[in-house]
Amino acid sequence: MPSGNVIRGTRIGSAPQRPAERFQPVPCRTVTYWCRNDHRTEIRIAAAAPAPELWDCPRCGLPAGQDAQNPPGRVRAEPYKTHLAYVKERRTEEEGAAILAEALAALHRRRRR
């Protein structure tokens, strides 16, 4: 015997159907990319949007370009940098020493209290 609170014809997560006259699909175009391994990738983008110059190949991960005769080469991976290396790019030795002295002075003031 079914209970009285069942909603028939729907499921959890379903949304109401939108009538077709409420929206207009965006005009699209297909852009083709090739990687060094001769993998062809086609993506659909909006007609008004500019196509990206490079696209990652979904099969091998290499960068792919729109020119089939001259696909882009492998991107050189930048070596791993530590946090200290990034800080040293932004600060000179003198600035680093001044910041360290300021931080140590603040630490000593807190400990004296």
N, C-alpha and C. Protein backbone atom coordinates (compact mmCIF):
# COMPACT_ATOMS: atom_id res chain seq x y z
N MET A 1 0.84 -1.18 0.00
CA MET A 1 0.00 0.00 0.00
C MET A 1 0.89 1.24 0.00
N PRO A 2 0.79 2.10 -1.02
CA PRO A 2 1.65 3.28 -1.11
C PRO A 2 1.26 4.33 -0.08
N SER A 3 2.28 5.09 0.36
CA SER A 3 2.00 6.17 1.32
C SER A 3 1.43 7.37 0.59
N GLY A 4 0.87 8.28 1.31
CA GLY A 4 0.21 9.42 0.70
C GLY A 4 1.15 10.56 0.32
N ASN A 5 2.45 10.48 0.69
CA ASN A 5 3.33 11.62 0.43
C ASN A 5 4.30 11.37 -0.73
N VAL A 6 3.98 10.47 -1.63
CA VAL A 6 4.86 10.17 -2.75
C VAL A 6 4.55 11.12 -3.90
N ILE A 7 5.61 11.72 -4.46
CA ILE A 7 5.44 12.56 -5.65
C ILE A 7 5.79 11.69 -6.83
N ARG A 8 4.88 11.46 -7.69
CA ARG A 8 5.09 10.56 -8.80
C ARG A 8 5.68 11.30 -10.01
N GLY A 9 6.54 10.62 -10.76
CA GLY A 9 7.08 11.15 -12.00
C GLY A 9 8.31 12.04 -11.82
N THR A 10 8.85 12.12 -10.62
CA THR A 10 10.06 12.93 -10.40
C THR A 10 11.07 12.09 -9.65
N ARG A 11 12.29 12.57 -9.64
CA ARG A 11 13.33 11.92 -8.87
C ARG A 11 14.13 12.99 -8.14
N ILE A 12 14.91 12.58 -7.18
CA ILE A 12 15.70 13.52 -6.41
C ILE A 12 16.74 14.17 -7.32
N GLY A 13 16.86 15.48 -7.26
CA GLY A 13 17.81 16.20 -8.07
C GLY A 13 17.30 16.62 -9.43
N SER A 14 16.07 16.22 -9.77
CA SER A 14 15.56 16.61 -11.08
C SER A 14 15.11 18.06 -11.04
N ALA A 15 15.21 18.71 -12.16
CA ALA A 15 14.81 20.11 -12.26
C ALA A 15 13.68 20.20 -13.26
N PRO A 16 12.90 21.24 -13.17
CA PRO A 16 11.82 21.39 -14.15
C PRO A 16 12.40 21.62 -15.54
N GLN A 17 11.71 21.10 -16.53
CA GLN A 17 12.18 21.28 -17.90
C GLN A 17 11.92 22.72 -18.33
N ARG A 18 12.92 23.28 -19.04
CA ARG A 18 12.76 24.64 -19.53
C ARG A 18 12.17 24.60 -20.93
N PRO A 19 11.20 25.42 -21.17
CA PRO A 19 10.66 25.48 -22.53
C PRO A 19 11.73 25.98 -23.50
N ALA A 20 11.71 25.49 -24.72
CA ALA A 20 12.73 25.83 -25.72
C ALA A 20 12.70 27.31 -26.10
N GLU A 21 11.59 27.98 -25.95
CA GLU A 21 11.53 29.38 -26.38
C GLU A 21 12.17 30.34 -25.38
N ARG A 22 12.57 29.86 -24.21
CA ARG A 22 13.14 30.75 -23.21
C ARG A 22 14.63 31.03 -23.41
N PHE A 23 15.32 30.23 -24.15
CA PHE A 23 16.75 30.46 -24.32
C PHE A 23 17.14 30.19 -25.76
N GLN A 24 18.21 30.82 -26.15
CA GLN A 24 18.73 30.67 -27.50
C GLN A 24 20.16 30.13 -27.37
N PRO A 25 20.49 28.98 -27.96
CA PRO A 25 21.85 28.47 -27.85
C PRO A 25 22.85 29.43 -28.51
N VAL A 26 24.01 29.53 -27.90
CA VAL A 26 25.06 30.41 -28.41
C VAL A 26 25.65 29.79 -29.67
N PRO A 27 25.86 30.59 -30.72
CA PRO A 27 26.50 30.04 -31.92
C PRO A 27 27.94 29.60 -31.60
N CYS A 28 28.28 28.40 -32.00
CA CYS A 28 29.60 27.83 -31.71
C CYS A 28 30.36 27.55 -32.99
N ARG A 29 31.67 27.39 -32.83
CA ARG A 29 32.52 26.97 -33.94
C ARG A 29 33.50 25.93 -33.42
N THR A 30 34.00 25.11 -34.30
CA THR A 30 34.95 24.06 -33.93
C THR A 30 36.36 24.52 -34.27
N VAL A 31 37.27 24.37 -33.31
CA VAL A 31 38.67 24.72 -33.52
C VAL A 31 39.48 23.43 -33.36
N THR A 32 40.38 23.18 -34.29
CA THR A 32 41.18 21.95 -34.28
C THR A 32 42.61 22.27 -33.86
N TYR A 33 43.15 21.42 -32.98
CA TYR A 33 44.52 21.56 -32.49
C TYR A 33 45.29 20.27 -32.76
N TRP A 34 46.61 20.39 -33.02
CA TRP A 34 47.48 19.24 -33.23
C TRP A 34 48.68 19.35 -32.30
N CYS A 35 49.11 18.21 -31.74
CA CYS A 35 50.31 18.18 -30.90
C CYS A 35 51.45 17.53 -31.69
N ARG A 36 52.62 17.46 -31.08
CA ARG A 36 53.80 16.87 -31.73
C ARG A 36 53.61 15.39 -32.08
N ASN A 37 52.74 14.70 -31.37
CA ASN A 37 52.50 13.28 -31.61
C ASN A 37 51.40 13.03 -32.64
N ASP A 38 51.04 14.05 -33.41
CA ASP A 38 49.99 13.98 -34.44
C ASP A 38 48.62 13.63 -33.88
N HIS A 39 48.36 13.97 -32.63
CA HIS A 39 47.02 13.80 -32.07
C HIS A 39 46.19 15.01 -32.47
N ARG A 40 45.00 14.75 -32.94
CA ARG A 40 44.08 15.80 -33.36
C ARG A 40 43.03 15.99 -32.28
N THR A 41 42.83 17.22 -31.85
CA THR A 41 41.85 17.54 -30.83
C THR A 41 40.93 18.63 -31.35
N GLU A 42 39.64 18.40 -31.29
CA GLU A 42 38.67 19.40 -31.71
C GLU A 42 37.90 19.87 -30.49
N ILE A 43 37.81 21.19 -30.33
CA ILE A 43 37.01 21.75 -29.24
C ILE A 43 35.99 22.69 -29.84
N ARG A 44 34.88 22.83 -29.15
CA ARG A 44 33.84 23.76 -29.57
C ARG A 44 33.88 24.95 -28.63
N ILE A 45 33.96 26.14 -29.23
CA ILE A 45 33.94 27.37 -28.44
C ILE A 45 32.92 28.32 -29.05
N ALA A 46 32.56 29.31 -28.28
CA ALA A 46 31.60 30.30 -28.77
C ALA A 46 32.19 31.02 -29.97
N ALA A 47 31.35 31.35 -30.93
CA ALA A 47 31.81 31.99 -32.16
C ALA A 47 32.43 33.35 -31.88
N ALA A 48 31.95 34.05 -30.86
CA ALA A 48 32.47 35.39 -30.56
C ALA A 48 33.75 35.35 -29.73
N ALA A 49 34.07 34.21 -29.11
CA ALA A 49 35.24 34.10 -28.23
C ALA A 49 36.49 33.83 -29.06
N PRO A 50 37.61 34.46 -28.69
CA PRO A 50 38.86 34.15 -29.41
C PRO A 50 39.37 32.77 -29.01
N ALA A 51 39.92 32.06 -29.96
CA ALA A 51 40.44 30.71 -29.69
C ALA A 51 41.80 30.83 -29.01
N PRO A 52 42.06 30.02 -27.97
CA PRO A 52 43.38 30.05 -27.35
C PRO A 52 44.44 29.56 -28.32
N GLU A 53 45.64 30.12 -28.20
CA GLU A 53 46.72 29.71 -29.10
C GLU A 53 47.15 28.27 -28.83
N LEU A 54 47.21 27.90 -27.56
CA LEU A 54 47.63 26.54 -27.16
C LEU A 54 46.51 25.85 -26.42
N TRP A 55 46.49 24.52 -26.57
CA TRP A 55 45.51 23.69 -25.86
C TRP A 55 46.24 22.41 -25.47
N ASP A 56 46.06 21.94 -24.24
CA ASP A 56 46.71 20.70 -23.82
C ASP A 56 46.06 19.51 -24.50
N CYS A 57 46.89 18.64 -25.09
CA CYS A 57 46.39 17.44 -25.75
C CYS A 57 45.83 16.49 -24.68
N PRO A 58 44.58 16.05 -24.82
CA PRO A 58 44.01 15.15 -23.82
C PRO A 58 44.60 13.75 -23.84
N ARG A 59 45.29 13.39 -24.92
CA ARG A 59 45.85 12.03 -25.01
C ARG A 59 47.25 11.94 -24.43
N CYS A 60 48.12 12.94 -24.73
CA CYS A 60 49.51 12.83 -24.27
C CYS A 60 49.92 13.96 -23.34
N GLY A 61 49.13 15.03 -23.24
CA GLY A 61 49.45 16.12 -22.33
C GLY A 61 50.36 17.18 -22.90
N LEU A 62 50.86 16.99 -24.12
CA LEU A 62 51.73 17.99 -24.74
C LEU A 62 50.89 19.18 -25.20
N PRO A 63 51.50 20.36 -25.33
CA PRO A 63 50.75 21.49 -25.86
C PRO A 63 50.43 21.27 -27.34
N ALA A 64 49.26 21.71 -27.74
CA ALA A 64 48.82 21.55 -29.12
C ALA A 64 48.50 22.93 -29.69
N GLY A 65 48.79 23.10 -30.98
CA GLY A 65 48.53 24.36 -31.66
C GLY A 65 47.61 24.15 -32.85
N GLN A 66 47.21 25.26 -33.46
CA GLN A 66 46.26 25.18 -34.57
C GLN A 66 46.93 24.88 -35.91
N ASP A 67 48.26 24.97 -35.99
CA ASP A 67 48.98 24.71 -37.22
C ASP A 67 49.40 23.24 -37.25
N ALA A 68 48.81 22.44 -38.12
CA ALA A 68 49.10 21.01 -38.17
C ALA A 68 50.52 20.74 -38.66
N GLN A 69 51.07 21.61 -39.52
CA GLN A 69 52.41 21.41 -40.07
C GLN A 69 53.51 21.79 -39.08
N ASN A 70 53.20 22.67 -38.14
CA ASN A 70 54.20 23.14 -37.19
C ASN A 70 53.61 23.20 -35.78
N PRO A 71 53.39 22.04 -35.15
CA PRO A 71 52.83 22.05 -33.79
C PRO A 71 53.86 22.57 -32.79
N PRO A 72 53.40 23.12 -31.66
CA PRO A 72 54.34 23.65 -30.68
C PRO A 72 55.16 22.54 -30.02
N GLY A 73 56.34 22.90 -29.57
CA GLY A 73 57.21 21.95 -28.90
C GLY A 73 56.85 21.79 -27.44
N ARG A 74 57.61 20.95 -26.79
CA ARG A 74 57.38 20.68 -25.37
C ARG A 74 57.73 21.93 -24.56
N VAL A 75 56.88 22.26 -23.62
CA VAL A 75 57.13 23.40 -22.76
C VAL A 75 58.17 23.00 -21.72
N ARG A 76 59.18 23.84 -21.56
CA ARG A 76 60.24 23.54 -20.59
C ARG A 76 59.69 23.76 -19.19
N ALA A 77 59.79 22.73 -18.38
CA ALA A 77 59.30 22.82 -17.01
C ALA A 77 60.28 23.63 -16.17
N GLU A 78 59.75 24.56 -15.40
CA GLU A 78 60.58 25.37 -14.52
C GLU A 78 60.93 24.56 -13.29
N PRO A 79 62.18 24.60 -12.85
CA PRO A 79 62.55 23.81 -11.68
C PRO A 79 61.81 24.29 -10.43
N TYR A 80 61.67 23.38 -9.49
CA TYR A 80 60.97 23.68 -8.24
C TYR A 80 61.74 24.75 -7.46
N LYS A 81 61.01 25.75 -6.98
CA LYS A 81 61.63 26.79 -6.17
C LYS A 81 61.04 26.73 -4.77
N THR A 82 61.89 26.96 -3.79
CA THR A 82 61.43 27.01 -2.41
C THR A 82 60.84 28.39 -2.14
N HIS A 83 60.18 28.49 -1.00
CA HIS A 83 59.62 29.77 -0.59
C HIS A 83 60.74 30.80 -0.43
N LEU A 84 61.85 30.36 0.12
CA LEU A 84 62.98 31.26 0.32
C LEU A 84 63.52 31.79 -1.01
N ALA A 85 63.53 30.97 -2.05
CA ALA A 85 64.00 31.43 -3.36
C ALA A 85 63.10 32.53 -3.91
N TYR A 86 61.79 32.40 -3.74
CA TYR A 86 60.87 33.44 -4.19
C TYR A 86 61.07 34.72 -3.39
N VAL A 87 61.27 34.60 -2.08
CA VAL A 87 61.50 35.77 -1.24
C VAL A 87 62.79 36.47 -1.66
N LYS A 88 63.83 35.71 -1.96
CA LYS A 88 65.11 36.31 -2.36
C LYS A 88 65.01 37.01 -3.72
N GLU A 89 64.05 36.62 -4.55
CA GLU A 89 63.83 37.33 -5.81
C GLU A 89 63.24 38.71 -5.57
N ARG A 90 62.44 38.84 -4.52
CA ARG A 90 61.76 40.10 -4.25
C ARG A 90 62.54 41.03 -3.33
N ARG A 91 63.40 40.49 -2.47
CA ARG A 91 64.08 41.29 -1.45
C ARG A 91 65.59 41.22 -1.62
N THR A 92 66.26 42.30 -1.23
CA THR A 92 67.72 42.29 -1.20
C THR A 92 68.16 41.74 0.15
N GLU A 93 69.45 41.49 0.28
CA GLU A 93 70.00 40.99 1.55
C GLU A 93 69.77 42.01 2.67
N GLU A 94 69.92 43.29 2.35
CA GLU A 94 69.75 44.34 3.37
C GLU A 94 68.29 44.41 3.84
N GLU A 95 67.35 44.32 2.88
CA GLU A 95 65.93 44.34 3.27
C GLU A 95 65.59 43.12 4.12
N GLY A 96 66.15 41.97 3.77
CA GLY A 96 65.90 40.76 4.56
C GLY A 96 66.45 40.89 5.97
N ALA A 97 67.63 41.45 6.11
CA ALA A 97 68.23 41.64 7.44
C ALA A 97 67.40 42.62 8.27
N ALA A 98 66.88 43.68 7.63
CA ALA A 98 66.06 44.65 8.36
C ALA A 98 64.75 44.01 8.82
N ILE A 99 64.13 43.22 7.98
CA ILE A 99 62.88 42.54 8.36
C ILE A 99 63.13 41.55 9.49
N LEU A 100 64.23 40.81 9.41
CA LEU A 100 64.57 39.85 10.47
C LEU A 100 64.82 40.57 11.78
N ALA A 101 65.55 41.69 11.75
CA ALA A 101 65.83 42.45 12.97
C ALA A 101 64.53 42.97 13.58
N GLU A 102 63.61 43.44 12.74
CA GLU A 102 62.31 43.93 13.21
C GLU A 102 61.50 42.82 13.86
N ALA A 103 61.50 41.65 13.24
CA ALA A 103 60.74 40.52 13.79
C ALA A 103 61.34 40.04 15.11
N LEU A 104 62.68 40.01 15.20
CA LEU A 104 63.33 39.60 16.45
C LEU A 104 63.07 40.60 17.56
N ALA A 105 63.07 41.89 17.24
CA ALA A 105 62.78 42.92 18.24
C ALA A 105 61.35 42.77 18.76
N ALA A 106 60.41 42.51 17.88
CA ALA A 106 59.02 42.31 18.31
C ALA A 106 58.89 41.08 19.19
N LEU A 107 59.63 40.02 18.86
CA LEU A 107 59.60 38.81 19.67
C LEU A 107 60.16 39.06 21.06
N HIS A 108 61.28 39.79 21.14
CA HIS A 108 61.88 40.11 22.44
C HIS A 108 60.96 40.99 23.28
N ARG A 109 60.25 41.94 22.65
CA ARG A 109 59.31 42.79 23.39
C ARG A 109 58.17 41.96 23.97
N ARG A 110 57.66 41.00 23.21
CA ARG A 110 56.56 40.15 23.72
C ARG A 110 57.03 39.27 24.87
N ARG A 111 58.24 38.79 24.81
CA ARG A 111 58.75 37.89 25.88
C ARG A 111 59.02 38.64 27.17
N ARG A 112 59.34 39.94 27.09
CA ARG A 112 59.63 40.72 28.30
C ARG A 112 58.35 41.04 29.07
N ARG A 113 57.22 41.02 28.43
CA ARG A 113 55.96 41.36 29.10
C ARG A 113 55.48 40.27 29.98
